[in-house]
Amino acid sequence: MGAATQTGSYRPSASLILAAKDDTLKEYDYRLLLIKRTEATSYALNHCVFPGGVFDPREDESPEWITYFKSFGVTDDQFKKLSHNQDNPRPEFLSRGKHFSRDIALRLTALRETFEEVGILICTNQDSLKSWDSKSGHPRTLLLEPSDRSEWQHRVHNNASQFLELCRHLNVIPNLWSLQEWSIWRTAATANRKFDTVYYVTTLDEQVNEVSLLLEPHEVASAHWMSPAEAWTSSQDGTIWLPFMLLYDIARLMNLHSWQELLKFSRQRSSRGSTMVQPVYYRCDDCMFGVLPGDELYPKEPLTCTQSIILPGSVNELHGKAQQYNRYIVYDFHRVVLASNVPPCDGHLPLQSLVNTKLAKL
């Protein structure tokens, strides 16, 4: 199977790391929104993720969106602020935009799915757009809660085109500029369901208790506001289960203790773009571990690793020899060890030191 065919089997998707303020915490002053999938949509017990879903090329890339944005006075220069000029080439799936940049379309995906799953509509209006100083920041975000929100959520769930109709109905536009690119992950080639996912961050001015959620009953069993440290601890003690790539990102977010830090860092880092990361899995005598770029065991062609690579010996024997590593070691769903001594790329944060293990200690 050629590389083009393999790449084509990955479905573009987008997720939103949504942070709201919480002054009641000691270590952090914000919480992140995690949703627990229903049994019908989850592949693991207590499976929690950030809101998000699969890109719809017909609706998220409809030329009607550009016409609608321009009717609000959005300029080409303002659209360009949503694209990135990074040192490394952008991932291929992000350069396939048909009518406009895929950077715009996938932000629409993230915002549409967030409304569909938890009823949060992150938007802005014409007055906020006009008063926006586009040299810094983004237009003021409005969190609208229409009286017929449940009906619109149902309509968007059944037909993605209704997201544009909802914006027309309320005379608002999705606040694309409030989303900052955080990371890009490709699921391992061993996975049955394969996705290329952009994770965006947005920071709400509101306190957690001021954000009204409306959970879509077919997809979302429950929602949980947690600080990064709470999310890490809850995953490790079995209260929730976070996919390993989300656990890695949570370990980076743990460095940012304030809402203002998160806003400033994500805004500055986002302009540098992101290198797409794909785990490759190894199995040894007593566990499985995923390696990431920069690790000495990371292969040149990760797309060809459609089965776990078997290595003889115990994990401690293997790690005792490791000199350059960037990996997570999976003993079971809730016992996961992160370890990296590789400098992060794209101006990103390292793993928080309290959860970054030196392999010599294993």
Protein backbone atom coordinates (compact mmCIF):
# COMPACT_ATOMS: atom_id res chain seq x y z
CA MET A 1 0.00 0.00 0.00
CA GLY A 2 1.44 3.36 -1.03
CA ALA A 3 1.87 6.29 1.29
CA ALA A 4 -0.82 8.32 -0.49
CA THR A 5 -3.40 5.60 0.09
CA GLN A 6 -2.41 5.25 3.71
CA THR A 7 -2.62 8.98 4.27
CA GLY A 8 -6.03 9.07 2.61
CA SER A 9 -7.44 6.64 5.15
CA TYR A 10 -7.07 9.23 7.92
CA ARG A 11 -10.13 11.41 8.48
CA PRO A 12 -9.52 15.11 9.33
CA SER A 13 -11.03 16.18 12.64
CA ALA A 14 -10.82 18.98 15.18
CA SER A 15 -11.20 19.25 18.95
CA LEU A 16 -11.43 22.18 21.34
CA ILE A 17 -9.56 22.53 24.63
CA LEU A 18 -11.94 24.92 26.34
CA ALA A 19 -10.84 26.74 29.50
CA ALA A 20 -13.02 28.82 31.83
CA LYS A 21 -12.01 30.71 34.96
CA ASP A 22 -12.37 29.29 38.45
CA ASP A 23 -11.21 31.38 41.40
CA THR A 24 -11.99 28.65 43.95
CA LEU A 25 -8.91 26.56 43.14
CA LYS A 26 -5.54 26.92 44.84
CA GLU A 27 -3.08 25.60 42.26
CA TYR A 28 -4.88 26.76 39.08
CA ASP A 29 -7.37 29.53 38.40
CA TYR A 30 -9.11 27.78 35.50
CA ARG A 31 -10.64 24.46 34.56
CA LEU A 32 -10.84 22.55 31.29
CA LEU A 33 -14.00 21.00 29.87
CA LEU A 34 -13.91 17.23 29.35
CA ILE A 35 -16.85 15.17 28.14
CA LYS A 36 -17.51 11.52 28.82
CA ARG A 37 -18.71 9.65 25.77
CA THR A 38 -21.85 7.50 25.89
CA GLU A 39 -21.44 3.74 25.69
CA ALA A 40 -22.68 3.87 22.10
CA THR A 41 -19.82 6.13 21.01
CA SER A 42 -17.03 5.17 23.42
CA TYR A 43 -14.51 2.39 22.97
CA ALA A 44 -13.31 2.38 26.60
CA LEU A 45 -15.05 2.62 29.97
CA ASN A 46 -15.15 6.19 31.31
CA HIS A 47 -13.61 7.44 28.06
CA CYS A 48 -13.24 11.25 28.27
CA VAL A 49 -12.17 13.66 25.54
CA PHE A 50 -12.32 17.32 24.65
CA PRO A 51 -15.36 18.35 22.58
CA GLY A 52 -14.81 17.80 18.88
CA GLY A 53 -15.47 15.61 15.89
CA VAL A 54 -14.95 14.81 12.25
CA PHE A 55 -14.58 17.43 9.52
CA ASP A 56 -17.55 17.64 7.13
CA PRO A 57 -16.12 18.68 3.74
CA ARG A 58 -19.48 19.64 2.29
CA GLU A 59 -20.59 21.90 5.14
CA ASP A 60 -17.43 23.01 7.00
CA GLU A 61 -15.86 23.96 3.66
CA SER A 62 -18.96 25.41 2.03
CA PRO A 63 -18.26 28.62 0.04
CA GLU A 64 -21.37 30.04 1.72
CA TRP A 65 -19.29 30.52 4.87
CA ILE A 66 -16.92 32.97 3.17
CA THR A 67 -19.85 34.89 1.69
CA TYR A 68 -21.40 35.08 5.14
CA PHE A 69 -18.19 36.18 6.86
CA LYS A 70 -17.59 38.88 4.26
CA SER A 71 -21.13 40.17 4.74
CA PHE A 72 -19.98 40.98 8.30
CA GLY A 73 -16.99 42.90 6.94
CA VAL A 74 -14.31 40.25 7.56
CA THR A 75 -11.29 41.13 5.41
CA ASP A 76 -8.77 38.93 3.61
CA ASP A 77 -6.09 40.09 6.05
CA GLN A 78 -8.24 38.94 8.96
CA PHE A 79 -8.68 35.54 7.29
CA LYS A 80 -4.91 35.29 6.80
CA LYS A 81 -4.42 35.55 10.57
CA LEU A 82 -5.91 32.04 10.81
CA SER A 83 -3.14 30.48 8.72
CA HIS A 84 0.38 29.67 9.85
CA ASN A 85 3.79 30.14 8.26
CA GLN A 86 5.88 27.53 10.01
CA ASP A 87 9.42 26.35 9.39
CA ASN A 88 8.33 22.79 8.63
CA PRO A 89 5.71 22.13 5.92
CA ARG A 90 2.14 22.11 7.17
CA PRO A 91 0.61 18.62 7.45
CA GLU A 92 -0.85 17.58 4.13
CA PHE A 93 -4.46 17.38 5.34
CA LEU A 94 -4.26 21.04 6.36
CA SER A 95 -3.24 22.16 2.88
CA ARG A 96 -6.17 20.65 1.01
CA GLY A 97 -8.65 23.50 1.38
CA LYS A 98 -11.09 23.60 -1.52
CA HIS A 99 -12.82 26.98 -1.25
CA PHE A 100 -10.70 28.46 1.54
CA SER A 101 -7.94 27.56 3.97
CA ARG A 102 -8.38 24.28 5.86
CA ASP A 103 -7.24 26.27 8.92
CA ILE A 104 -10.57 28.09 8.67
CA ALA A 105 -12.63 24.98 7.94
CA LEU A 106 -11.28 22.95 10.86
CA ARG A 107 -11.95 25.81 13.27
CA LEU A 108 -15.52 25.70 12.02
CA THR A 109 -15.52 21.95 12.68
CA ALA A 110 -14.34 22.46 16.27
CA LEU A 111 -16.91 25.17 16.98
CA ARG A 112 -19.77 23.30 15.29
CA GLU A 113 -19.01 20.12 17.22
CA THR A 114 -18.70 22.03 20.49
CA PHE A 115 -22.18 23.47 20.03
CA GLU A 116 -23.53 20.10 18.93
CA GLU A 117 -22.08 18.22 21.90
CA VAL A 118 -22.34 20.65 24.83
CA GLY A 119 -24.48 23.56 23.58
CA ILE A 120 -21.72 26.20 23.78
CA LEU A 121 -21.85 28.66 20.89
CA ILE A 122 -18.57 30.58 20.69
CA CYS A 123 -19.27 33.53 18.42
CA THR A 124 -18.90 37.25 17.91
CA ASN A 125 -21.07 39.97 16.40
CA GLN A 126 -20.58 42.84 13.99
CA ASP A 127 -20.01 45.48 16.68
CA SER A 128 -17.27 43.39 18.32
CA LEU A 129 -15.69 42.75 14.94
CA LYS A 130 -15.62 46.46 14.12
CA SER A 131 -14.00 47.39 17.45
CA TRP A 132 -11.42 44.60 17.20
CA ASP A 133 -7.81 45.71 16.99
CA SER A 134 -6.63 42.84 14.79
CA LYS A 135 -2.98 43.59 15.57
CA SER A 136 -3.49 41.88 18.91
CA GLY A 137 -5.98 39.54 20.53
CA HIS A 138 -9.24 38.52 18.91
CA PRO A 139 -12.80 39.85 18.65
CA ARG A 140 -14.73 39.70 21.91
CA THR A 141 -16.32 36.30 22.37
CA LEU A 142 -20.05 36.06 23.00
CA LEU A 143 -21.56 32.98 24.63
CA LEU A 144 -25.14 33.00 23.43
CA GLU A 145 -27.85 30.83 24.93
CA PRO A 146 -30.88 31.14 22.63
CA SER A 147 -34.24 30.14 24.07
CA ASP A 148 -34.56 27.45 21.41
CA ARG A 149 -31.02 26.13 21.96
CA SER A 150 -32.16 22.52 22.38
CA GLU A 151 -34.00 22.58 19.07
CA TRP A 152 -30.98 24.08 17.26
CA GLN A 153 -28.63 21.58 18.86
CA HIS A 154 -30.82 18.76 17.58
CA ARG A 155 -30.88 20.29 14.10
CA VAL A 156 -27.10 20.74 13.97
CA HIS A 157 -26.60 17.19 15.25
CA ASN A 158 -28.70 15.84 12.39
CA ASN A 159 -27.45 18.19 9.69
CA ALA A 160 -24.14 20.10 9.83
CA SER A 161 -25.48 22.77 7.43
CA GLN A 162 -27.73 23.98 10.24
CA PHE A 163 -24.75 25.48 12.05
CA LEU A 164 -24.54 28.22 9.41
CA GLU A 165 -28.32 28.65 9.61
CA LEU A 166 -28.06 29.05 13.40
CA CYS A 167 -25.47 31.82 12.97
CA ARG A 168 -27.71 33.55 10.44
CA HIS A 169 -30.67 33.21 12.80
CA LEU A 170 -28.73 34.92 15.62
CA ASN A 171 -26.86 37.36 13.34
CA VAL A 172 -23.44 36.28 14.62
CA ILE A 173 -20.32 34.62 13.19
CA PRO A 174 -18.24 31.85 14.77
CA ASN A 175 -15.29 33.43 16.56
CA LEU A 176 -12.55 31.65 14.61
CA TRP A 177 -9.88 34.02 15.93
CA SER A 178 -10.46 32.99 19.54
CA LEU A 179 -9.13 29.50 18.75
CA GLN A 180 -5.36 28.99 19.04
CA GLU A 181 -3.72 25.93 17.52
CA TRP A 182 -2.28 23.77 20.31
CA SER A 183 -1.22 20.45 18.73
CA ILE A 184 -1.82 18.07 15.83
CA TRP A 185 -2.04 14.32 16.38
CA ARG A 186 -2.38 11.43 13.97
CA THR A 187 -3.66 8.18 15.43
CA ALA A 188 -1.24 5.27 15.28
CA ALA A 189 -1.20 3.17 12.12
CA THR A 190 -2.28 0.20 14.27
CA ALA A 191 -5.66 1.83 15.06
CA ASN A 192 -8.91 0.69 13.49
CA ARG A 193 -10.30 4.22 13.38
CA LYS A 194 -7.79 6.69 12.01
CA PHE A 195 -7.89 10.47 12.43
CA ASP A 196 -5.73 13.52 11.83
CA THR A 197 -6.82 15.85 14.62
CA VAL A 198 -6.05 19.50 15.26
CA TYR A 199 -6.45 20.53 18.91
CA TYR A 200 -7.32 24.18 19.47
CA VAL A 201 -7.39 26.13 22.73
CA THR A 202 -9.89 28.82 23.60
CA THR A 203 -10.11 30.75 26.87
CA LEU A 204 -13.46 32.06 28.08
CA ASP A 205 -13.73 35.21 30.20
CA GLU A 206 -16.55 33.60 32.16
CA GLN A 207 -16.31 31.67 35.40
CA VAL A 208 -17.06 27.95 35.15
CA ASN A 209 -20.35 28.35 37.00
CA GLU A 210 -21.47 30.96 34.45
CA VAL A 211 -21.06 28.62 31.46
CA SER A 212 -24.32 26.85 30.69
CA LEU A 213 -23.96 23.38 29.16
CA LEU A 214 -26.56 21.43 27.21
CA LEU A 215 -25.36 17.85 26.67
CA GLU A 216 -26.31 16.02 23.48
CA PRO A 217 -27.81 12.80 24.90
CA HIS A 218 -26.77 10.43 22.11
CA GLU A 219 -23.07 11.32 22.31
CA VAL A 220 -22.34 12.81 25.73
CA ALA A 221 -23.00 10.95 28.99
CA SER A 222 -21.59 13.66 31.27
CA ALA A 223 -19.34 16.73 31.34
CA HIS A 224 -16.54 17.51 33.78
CA TRP A 225 -14.72 20.76 34.50
CA MET A 226 -11.23 19.89 35.77
CA SER A 227 -7.95 21.69 36.25
CA PRO A 228 -5.06 20.10 34.33
CA ALA A 229 -3.79 18.49 37.56
CA GLU A 230 -7.26 17.15 38.39
CA ALA A 231 -7.57 15.66 34.90
CA TRP A 232 -4.19 13.95 35.27
CA THR A 233 -4.98 12.56 38.73
CA SER A 234 -8.47 11.44 37.72
CA SER A 235 -7.06 9.53 34.76
CA GLN A 236 -4.38 7.87 36.86
CA ASP A 237 -6.76 6.81 39.64
CA GLY A 238 -9.33 5.35 37.26
CA THR A 239 -12.08 7.96 37.69
CA ILE A 240 -11.83 8.78 33.98
CA TRP A 241 -9.80 7.46 31.09
CA LEU A 242 -7.97 9.89 28.85
CA PRO A 243 -6.58 8.72 25.50
CA PHE A 244 -2.80 8.71 25.71
CA MET A 245 -2.28 11.67 23.37
CA LEU A 246 -4.65 13.76 25.51
CA LEU A 247 -2.78 12.70 28.61
CA TYR A 248 0.44 13.94 26.97
CA ASP A 249 -1.18 17.31 26.21
CA ILE A 250 -2.61 17.53 29.74
CA ALA A 251 0.94 17.04 31.05
CA ARG A 252 2.01 20.08 29.01
CA LEU A 253 -0.95 22.16 30.15
CA MET A 254 -0.03 21.42 33.77
CA ASN A 255 2.82 23.94 33.37
CA LEU A 256 0.31 26.79 33.00
CA HIS A 257 -1.22 27.61 36.38
CA SER A 258 -3.15 30.74 35.42
CA TRP A 259 -5.81 31.50 32.85
CA GLN A 260 -3.78 34.51 31.74
CA GLU A 261 -0.68 32.34 31.22
CA LEU A 262 -2.68 29.91 29.13
CA LEU A 263 -4.11 32.71 27.00
CA LYS A 264 -0.74 34.39 26.45
CA PHE A 265 1.23 31.22 25.76
CA SER A 266 -1.30 29.61 23.43
CA ARG A 267 -1.68 32.83 21.45
CA GLN A 268 2.07 33.29 21.00
CA ARG A 269 2.82 29.64 20.28
CA SER A 270 -0.06 29.16 17.85
CA SER A 271 1.52 31.49 15.29
CA ARG A 272 4.37 28.98 14.87
CA GLY A 273 2.07 26.18 13.69
CA SER A 274 2.43 22.56 14.74
CA THR A 275 4.29 19.45 13.66
CA MET A 276 1.95 16.49 13.35
CA VAL A 277 2.77 13.73 15.85
CA GLN A 278 1.99 10.05 15.28
CA PRO A 279 2.73 7.44 17.96
CA VAL A 280 4.33 4.11 17.07
CA TYR A 281 3.71 1.19 19.43
CA TYR A 282 6.14 -1.35 20.82
CA ARG A 283 5.45 -4.40 22.96
CA CYS A 284 7.89 -5.99 25.36
CA ASP A 285 7.54 -8.75 27.93
CA ASP A 286 5.53 -6.77 30.49
CA CYS A 287 3.84 -3.79 28.82
CA MET A 288 3.23 -1.67 25.72
CA PHE A 289 4.77 1.72 25.05
CA GLY A 290 4.25 4.40 22.44
CA VAL A 291 7.19 6.33 21.03
CA LEU A 292 6.97 9.82 19.60
CA PRO A 293 9.22 11.87 17.29
CA GLY A 294 12.67 12.50 18.76
CA ASP A 295 12.76 9.12 20.49
CA GLU A 296 15.70 6.94 19.44
CA LEU A 297 13.25 4.13 18.63
CA TYR A 298 11.04 6.30 16.41
CA PRO A 299 11.03 4.85 12.86
CA LYS A 300 11.55 6.85 9.68
CA GLU A 301 8.23 5.66 8.22
CA PRO A 302 5.64 5.57 11.03
CA LEU A 303 2.81 5.03 8.54
CA THR A 304 4.16 1.58 7.72
CA CYS A 305 3.99 0.41 11.35
CA THR A 306 0.56 -1.17 11.11
CA GLN A 307 1.36 -3.66 13.88
CA SER A 308 3.07 -3.22 17.23
CA ILE A 309 6.82 -3.84 17.07
CA ILE A 310 7.87 -6.69 19.36
CA LEU A 311 11.03 -6.28 21.43
CA PRO A 312 12.46 -8.99 23.68
CA GLY A 313 13.10 -8.29 27.35
CA SER A 314 11.38 -6.30 30.08
CA VAL A 315 10.54 -2.62 29.86
CA ASN A 316 13.11 -1.84 32.57
CA GLU A 317 15.83 -3.61 30.58
CA LEU A 318 14.92 -1.64 27.47
CA HIS A 319 14.66 1.69 29.24
CA GLY A 320 17.89 1.15 31.11
CA LYS A 321 19.66 1.44 27.74
CA ALA A 322 17.68 4.42 26.42
CA GLN A 323 19.55 7.67 25.94
CA GLN A 324 17.12 9.78 23.90
CA TYR A 325 13.46 9.15 24.63
CA ASN A 326 10.02 10.66 24.11
CA ARG A 327 7.40 8.07 24.99
CA TYR A 328 4.55 6.91 27.18
CA ILE A 329 4.60 3.53 28.89
CA VAL A 330 1.23 1.81 29.21
CA TYR A 331 0.85 -0.80 31.94
CA ASP A 332 -2.96 -0.54 31.74
CA PHE A 333 -5.50 2.19 30.86
CA HIS A 334 -4.92 4.01 34.15
CA ARG A 335 -1.27 3.31 34.82
CA VAL A 336 0.57 5.35 32.23
CA VAL A 337 4.06 6.78 32.66
CA LEU A 338 5.26 9.70 30.52
CA ALA A 339 8.97 10.13 29.87
CA SER A 340 10.78 12.61 27.63
CA ASN A 341 14.25 14.15 27.56
CA VAL A 342 13.74 15.55 24.05
CA PRO A 343 13.39 19.34 23.65
CA PRO A 344 9.85 20.21 22.47
CA CYS A 345 9.44 21.51 18.94
CA ASP A 346 7.41 24.44 17.60
CA GLY A 347 8.06 26.48 20.74
CA HIS A 348 5.91 24.13 22.79
CA LEU A 349 6.02 23.30 26.47
CA PRO A 350 7.82 20.25 27.87
CA LEU A 351 5.98 17.73 30.00
CA GLN A 352 5.41 19.13 33.48
CA SER A 353 8.34 18.03 35.60
CA LEU A 354 6.24 16.29 38.28
CA VAL A 355 4.83 13.85 35.71
CA ASN A 356 7.89 13.54 33.46
CA THR A 357 9.74 10.42 34.57
CA LYS A 358 13.42 9.77 34.01
CA LEU A 359 13.74 6.31 32.55
CA ALA A 360 16.58 5.44 34.88
CA LYS A 361 14.07 5.59 37.74
CA LEU A 362 11.73 2.98 36.27
